[in-house]
Amino acid sequence: MAQKYNTKQRYKSIQGLRSFKDTLPTEAKRIISKKGRIYNDTLDNWKYLVGAELFKVCFPKSYRGSSKLNKSRLNILVKRGSEVDLEYSKKEIIKKINVFFGYHVLDDIRLNTFDGEIKVEGKKTLLNATKNKHLKSINNIKNDKIKNSLLELSKHFKIK
């Protein structure tokens, strides 16, 4: 293949089909190669790294790499009430992550708490299958037996 010189992003490029990695700007490739791989691999193997019990109550929020002034840090969102369990297993998690990558990747873990449930993407189940506009019209019904039976019926239907 013929090589071109004096392109905008690189000094040399190969004419013809290129992979997606080669079409990215050099700044974006540098960011993805430094931070993106560590965070993505941590997300993919999170259940293995923390265990099944902690997997249910926490997940990684972000990763900040080390610089001259700061150490590398992983921010983890933890369900309120389970902070103590994760606090005691911080050193184990740091050790497992560093062993998993094969070199020193992580220095510190910072915990952020949140209220509520961990949402699993892909599953869309609601307690009431009826929409808000239908709930308003059901609530306008004067007969209590009919109203309660319609609300009870809507709880048994699930969105497909």
Protein backbone atom coordinates (compact mmCIF):
# COMPACT_ATOMS: atom_id res chain seq x y z
CA MET A 1 0.00 0.00 0.00
CA ALA A 2 1.13 3.54 -0.65
CA GLN A 3 2.02 5.77 2.29
CA LYS A 4 0.89 9.39 2.52
CA TYR A 5 2.81 12.12 4.29
CA ASN A 6 1.71 15.46 5.77
CA THR A 7 -1.70 14.44 7.09
CA LYS A 8 -3.37 16.48 9.81
CA GLN A 9 -3.34 13.96 12.65
CA ARG A 10 -0.23 11.91 11.97
CA TYR A 11 3.00 12.17 10.12
CA LYS A 12 2.39 8.93 8.25
CA SER A 13 -0.77 7.06 7.36
CA ILE A 14 -1.53 4.04 5.25
CA GLN A 15 -3.94 4.56 2.41
CA GLY A 16 -6.91 2.22 2.36
CA LEU A 17 -9.06 0.76 5.11
CA ARG A 18 -8.04 1.60 8.67
CA SER A 19 -9.04 0.19 11.99
CA PHE A 20 -11.17 2.27 14.33
CA LYS A 21 -8.22 2.75 16.68
CA ASP A 22 -6.21 4.42 13.92
CA THR A 23 -8.96 6.91 13.07
CA LEU A 24 -9.09 8.37 16.60
CA PRO A 25 -7.10 11.52 17.37
CA THR A 26 -3.85 10.92 19.21
CA GLU A 27 -5.09 12.72 22.36
CA ALA A 28 -8.16 10.49 22.58
CA LYS A 29 -6.06 7.36 22.09
CA ARG A 30 -3.76 8.42 24.92
CA ILE A 31 -6.67 8.98 27.34
CA ILE A 32 -8.34 5.68 26.44
CA SER A 33 -5.12 3.73 26.72
CA LYS A 34 -4.27 5.17 30.15
CA LYS A 35 -7.57 5.35 32.00
CA GLY A 36 -10.20 3.62 29.93
CA ARG A 37 -8.69 0.16 29.90
CA ILE A 38 -8.21 0.00 33.66
CA TYR A 39 -11.74 1.23 34.42
CA ASN A 40 -13.37 -1.00 31.79
CA ASP A 41 -11.53 -4.13 32.90
CA THR A 42 -12.43 -3.33 36.52
CA LEU A 43 -16.10 -3.00 35.57
CA ASP A 44 -16.06 -6.24 33.59
CA ASN A 45 -14.49 -8.25 36.41
CA TRP A 46 -16.07 -6.46 39.38
CA LYS A 47 -17.88 -9.54 40.71
CA TYR A 48 -14.64 -11.53 40.74
CA LEU A 49 -12.66 -8.70 42.36
CA VAL A 50 -14.98 -7.95 45.30
CA GLY A 51 -16.95 -11.16 45.75
CA ALA A 52 -20.63 -11.98 45.44
CA GLU A 53 -21.77 -10.32 48.68
CA LEU A 54 -20.17 -6.93 48.03
CA PHE A 55 -21.12 -7.09 44.34
CA LYS A 56 -24.78 -6.72 45.35
CA VAL A 57 -24.22 -3.46 47.29
CA CYS A 58 -21.48 -1.56 45.43
CA PHE A 59 -20.04 -0.76 42.00
CA PRO A 60 -17.17 1.42 40.69
CA LYS A 61 -18.06 4.98 39.77
CA SER A 62 -14.81 6.32 38.33
CA TYR A 63 -11.06 5.83 38.21
CA ARG A 64 -8.48 8.58 38.56
CA GLY A 65 -4.95 7.70 37.53
CA SER A 66 -1.86 8.79 39.37
CA SER A 67 -0.03 12.01 38.66
CA LYS A 68 2.95 13.74 40.24
CA LEU A 69 0.82 15.10 43.08
CA ASN A 70 -2.01 12.58 43.45
CA LYS A 71 -2.17 8.85 43.93
CA SER A 72 -4.38 6.64 41.78
CA ARG A 73 -7.88 6.28 43.20
CA LEU A 74 -11.01 4.28 42.50
CA ASN A 75 -14.34 5.85 43.51
CA ILE A 76 -16.95 3.29 44.52
CA LEU A 77 -20.67 3.87 45.05
CA VAL A 78 -21.91 1.93 48.08
CA LYS A 79 -25.47 1.37 49.20
CA ARG A 80 -26.14 3.10 52.52
CA GLY A 81 -25.68 0.71 55.42
CA SER A 82 -23.02 -1.44 53.76
CA GLU A 83 -20.11 1.01 54.08
CA VAL A 84 -18.51 -0.83 57.00
CA ASP A 85 -18.26 -4.13 55.11
CA LEU A 86 -16.53 -2.46 52.20
CA GLU A 87 -14.31 -0.37 54.48
CA TYR A 88 -12.90 -3.52 56.09
CA SER A 89 -12.21 -5.16 52.73
CA LYS A 90 -10.51 -2.14 51.08
CA LYS A 91 -7.01 -3.56 51.36
CA GLU A 92 -8.08 -6.90 49.90
CA ILE A 93 -9.78 -5.21 46.95
CA ILE A 94 -6.71 -3.05 46.24
CA LYS A 95 -4.50 -6.13 46.43
CA LYS A 96 -6.77 -8.15 44.08
CA ILE A 97 -6.96 -5.32 41.52
CA ASN A 98 -3.18 -4.85 41.48
CA VAL A 99 -2.65 -8.61 41.12
CA PHE A 100 -5.31 -8.79 38.40
CA PHE A 101 -3.54 -6.18 36.25
CA GLY A 102 -0.08 -7.50 37.05
CA TYR A 103 1.40 -4.18 38.16
CA HIS A 104 0.68 -1.40 40.69
CA VAL A 105 -2.50 0.25 39.38
CA LEU A 106 -4.40 1.36 42.47
CA ASP A 107 -3.33 3.17 45.65
CA ASP A 108 -6.58 4.19 47.32
CA ILE A 109 -10.34 3.56 47.31
CA ARG A 110 -12.83 6.29 48.12
CA LEU A 111 -16.39 5.38 49.10
CA ASN A 112 -19.46 7.38 48.10
CA THR A 113 -22.81 6.35 49.56
CA PHE A 114 -26.19 6.43 47.85
CA ASP A 115 -29.77 5.60 48.77
CA GLY A 116 -31.86 3.20 46.80
CA GLU A 117 -31.39 0.14 44.66
CA ILE A 118 -28.71 -0.77 42.16
CA LYS A 119 -30.46 -0.68 38.81
CA VAL A 120 -29.81 -3.58 36.50
CA GLU A 121 -29.97 -2.49 32.88
CA GLY A 122 -31.89 -4.63 30.46
CA LYS A 123 -34.70 -5.58 32.83
CA LYS A 124 -37.68 -3.27 32.79
CA THR A 125 -40.19 -4.37 35.37
CA LEU A 126 -42.59 -2.08 37.15
CA LEU A 127 -44.86 -2.67 40.06
CA ASN A 128 -47.74 -1.11 38.17
CA ALA A 129 -47.92 -1.79 34.47
CA THR A 130 -50.38 1.06 33.97
CA LYS A 131 -49.04 4.46 33.02
CA ASN A 132 -49.62 7.65 34.98
CA LYS A 133 -52.34 8.88 32.64
CA HIS A 134 -54.30 5.64 33.20
CA LEU A 135 -53.77 5.81 36.98
CA LYS A 136 -55.40 9.26 37.03
CA SER A 137 -58.46 7.94 35.22
CA ILE A 138 -58.62 4.90 37.54
CA ASN A 139 -58.45 7.17 40.58
CA ASN A 140 -61.40 9.18 39.21
CA ILE A 141 -63.68 6.12 39.49
CA LYS A 142 -66.11 6.56 42.37
CA ASN A 143 -66.80 2.89 43.07
CA ASP A 144 -64.07 1.69 45.47
CA LYS A 145 -64.39 -2.00 44.61
CA ILE A 146 -63.88 -1.41 40.89
CA LYS A 147 -61.02 1.01 41.54
CA ASN A 148 -59.20 -1.44 43.84
CA SER A 149 -59.71 -4.37 41.50
CA LEU A 150 -58.30 -2.39 38.53
CA LEU A 151 -55.26 -1.35 40.56
CA GLU A 152 -54.75 -4.94 41.72
CA LEU A 153 -55.09 -6.19 38.15
CA SER A 154 -52.48 -3.69 36.91
CA LYS A 155 -49.95 -5.01 39.46
CA HIS A 156 -50.07 -8.49 37.90
CA PHE A 157 -49.29 -7.31 34.36
CA LYS A 158 -45.67 -6.70 33.45
CA ILE A 159 -44.29 -4.74 30.57
CA LYS A 160 -42.85 -6.96 27.85
